[in-house]
N, C-alpha and C. Protein backbone atom coordinates (compact mmCIF):
# COMPACT_ATOMS: atom_id res chain seq x y z
N SER A 1 22.14 -14.02 17.16
CA SER A 1 20.87 -14.64 17.54
C SER A 1 20.20 -15.27 16.33
N PRO A 2 19.53 -16.41 16.49
CA PRO A 2 18.93 -17.11 15.33
C PRO A 2 17.86 -16.29 14.62
N SER A 3 17.08 -15.51 15.37
CA SER A 3 16.00 -14.76 14.74
C SER A 3 16.55 -13.68 13.80
N ALA A 4 17.69 -13.06 14.18
CA ALA A 4 18.30 -12.05 13.33
C ALA A 4 18.77 -12.68 12.03
N ALA A 5 19.38 -13.86 12.13
CA ALA A 5 19.85 -14.55 10.93
C ALA A 5 18.68 -14.91 10.03
N HIS A 6 17.56 -15.25 10.64
CA HIS A 6 16.39 -15.64 9.86
C HIS A 6 15.86 -14.45 9.07
N SER A 7 15.76 -13.28 9.71
CA SER A 7 15.22 -12.12 9.01
C SER A 7 16.18 -11.68 7.91
N LEU A 8 17.48 -11.87 8.11
CA LEU A 8 18.44 -11.53 7.06
C LEU A 8 18.21 -12.41 5.83
N THR A 9 17.79 -13.65 6.05
CA THR A 9 17.52 -14.54 4.92
C THR A 9 16.26 -14.08 4.18
N ASP A 10 15.27 -13.61 4.92
CA ASP A 10 14.02 -13.19 4.30
C ASP A 10 14.18 -11.92 3.48
N THR A 11 14.93 -10.95 4.01
CA THR A 11 14.96 -9.62 3.41
C THR A 11 15.41 -9.60 1.95
N PRO A 12 16.56 -10.22 1.57
CA PRO A 12 16.98 -10.10 0.17
C PRO A 12 15.94 -10.65 -0.81
N SER A 13 15.34 -11.79 -0.47
CA SER A 13 14.37 -12.37 -1.39
C SER A 13 13.14 -11.47 -1.52
N ALA A 14 12.77 -10.80 -0.42
CA ALA A 14 11.63 -9.89 -0.47
C ALA A 14 11.95 -8.71 -1.38
N GLU A 15 13.18 -8.17 -1.26
CA GLU A 15 13.57 -7.04 -2.11
C GLU A 15 13.61 -7.45 -3.57
N MET A 16 14.14 -8.64 -3.85
CA MET A 16 14.21 -9.11 -5.23
C MET A 16 12.81 -9.21 -5.83
N ALA A 17 11.87 -9.69 -5.05
CA ALA A 17 10.50 -9.82 -5.54
C ALA A 17 9.86 -8.45 -5.69
N ASP A 18 10.29 -7.50 -4.84
CA ASP A 18 9.68 -6.17 -4.84
C ASP A 18 9.96 -5.42 -6.13
N LYS A 19 11.20 -5.47 -6.62
CA LYS A 19 11.57 -4.61 -7.74
C LYS A 19 10.75 -4.88 -9.01
N PRO A 20 10.60 -6.14 -9.46
CA PRO A 20 9.73 -6.34 -10.63
C PRO A 20 8.28 -5.96 -10.35
N ASP A 21 7.83 -6.20 -9.11
CA ASP A 21 6.47 -5.82 -8.75
C ASP A 21 6.24 -4.33 -8.96
N ILE A 22 7.17 -3.52 -8.45
CA ILE A 22 7.00 -2.07 -8.52
C ILE A 22 6.93 -1.61 -9.98
N SER A 23 7.81 -2.15 -10.84
CA SER A 23 7.80 -1.71 -12.24
C SER A 23 6.50 -2.13 -12.92
N ALA A 24 5.99 -3.31 -12.58
CA ALA A 24 4.72 -3.74 -13.15
C ALA A 24 3.59 -2.84 -12.69
N VAL A 25 3.64 -2.44 -11.42
CA VAL A 25 2.59 -1.58 -10.89
C VAL A 25 2.64 -0.21 -11.54
N SER A 26 3.85 0.36 -11.72
CA SER A 26 3.91 1.70 -12.30
C SER A 26 3.46 1.68 -13.76
N ASN A 27 3.66 0.56 -14.46
CA ASN A 27 3.12 0.47 -15.82
C ASN A 27 1.60 0.52 -15.79
N PHE A 28 0.99 -0.13 -14.82
CA PHE A 28 -0.46 -0.12 -14.71
C PHE A 28 -0.99 1.22 -14.23
N ASP A 29 -0.27 1.82 -13.26
CA ASP A 29 -0.74 3.06 -12.67
C ASP A 29 -1.05 4.13 -13.71
N LYS A 30 -0.21 4.23 -14.74
CA LYS A 30 -0.42 5.28 -15.74
C LYS A 30 -1.79 5.15 -16.40
N THR A 31 -2.26 3.94 -16.57
CA THR A 31 -3.59 3.76 -17.16
C THR A 31 -4.69 4.04 -16.15
N LYS A 32 -4.44 3.66 -14.90
CA LYS A 32 -5.49 3.78 -13.89
C LYS A 32 -5.54 5.17 -13.25
N LEU A 33 -4.52 5.99 -13.49
CA LEU A 33 -4.44 7.27 -12.79
C LEU A 33 -5.67 8.12 -13.04
N LYS A 34 -6.14 8.18 -14.28
CA LYS A 34 -7.29 9.05 -14.57
C LYS A 34 -8.53 8.60 -13.79
N LYS A 35 -8.73 7.29 -13.68
CA LYS A 35 -9.87 6.81 -12.90
C LYS A 35 -9.69 7.16 -11.42
N THR A 36 -8.45 7.11 -10.94
CA THR A 36 -8.20 7.44 -9.54
C THR A 36 -8.52 8.90 -9.27
N GLU A 37 -8.17 9.79 -10.21
CA GLU A 37 -8.46 11.21 -10.02
C GLU A 37 -9.96 11.44 -9.84
N THR A 38 -10.77 10.74 -10.62
CA THR A 38 -12.22 10.89 -10.49
C THR A 38 -12.67 10.43 -9.11
N ALA A 39 -12.10 9.33 -8.63
CA ALA A 39 -12.49 8.80 -7.33
C ALA A 39 -12.09 9.73 -6.20
N GLU A 40 -11.09 10.58 -6.44
CA GLU A 40 -10.63 11.48 -5.38
C GLU A 40 -11.72 12.46 -4.97
N LYS A 41 -12.71 12.69 -5.81
CA LYS A 41 -13.79 13.60 -5.43
C LYS A 41 -14.57 13.06 -4.24
N ASN A 42 -14.53 11.75 -4.03
CA ASN A 42 -15.18 11.15 -2.86
C ASN A 42 -14.23 11.19 -1.67
N THR A 43 -13.90 12.39 -1.20
CA THR A 43 -13.05 12.53 -0.02
C THR A 43 -13.94 12.82 1.18
N LEU A 44 -13.37 13.41 2.20
CA LEU A 44 -14.16 13.75 3.38
C LEU A 44 -15.23 14.77 3.03
N PRO A 45 -16.41 14.69 3.67
CA PRO A 45 -17.49 15.64 3.36
C PRO A 45 -17.12 17.06 3.76
N THR A 46 -17.54 18.02 2.95
CA THR A 46 -17.29 19.43 3.26
C THR A 46 -18.34 19.92 4.25
N LYS A 47 -18.16 21.13 4.76
CA LYS A 47 -19.15 21.70 5.68
C LYS A 47 -20.50 21.83 4.99
N GLU A 48 -20.48 22.16 3.69
CA GLU A 48 -21.74 22.26 2.94
C GLU A 48 -22.45 20.92 2.90
N THR A 49 -21.71 19.85 2.62
CA THR A 49 -22.31 18.52 2.55
C THR A 49 -22.93 18.14 3.89
N ILE A 50 -22.20 18.41 4.97
CA ILE A 50 -22.71 18.08 6.31
C ILE A 50 -23.98 18.87 6.60
N ALA A 51 -23.99 20.16 6.23
CA ALA A 51 -25.18 20.98 6.46
C ALA A 51 -26.36 20.44 5.66
N GLN A 52 -26.13 20.04 4.41
CA GLN A 52 -27.20 19.49 3.59
C GLN A 52 -27.74 18.21 4.22
N GLU A 53 -26.86 17.36 4.73
CA GLU A 53 -27.32 16.11 5.34
C GLU A 53 -28.14 16.40 6.60
N LYS A 54 -27.73 17.38 7.39
CA LYS A 54 -28.50 17.72 8.59
C LYS A 54 -29.89 18.21 8.21
N GLU A 55 -29.99 19.01 7.14
CA GLU A 55 -31.30 19.49 6.70
C GLU A 55 -32.15 18.33 6.20
N ALA A 56 -31.54 17.40 5.47
CA ALA A 56 -32.28 16.26 4.93
C ALA A 56 -32.82 15.39 6.06
N ASN A 57 -32.06 15.25 7.14
CA ASN A 57 -32.53 14.44 8.27
C ASN A 57 -33.46 15.29 9.11
């Protein structure tokens, strides 16, 4: 089928582009990881947080 042949043409070029991208990203990630850890504190609210918000309202 023509559509299958088309996707086969797309896939290799996508993979080729992916590999340098990933290595570039992992080089950056090591610098950004510490900032990401700090941001992780902004996760879902705990029961304490919800209780405080109910009292404030």
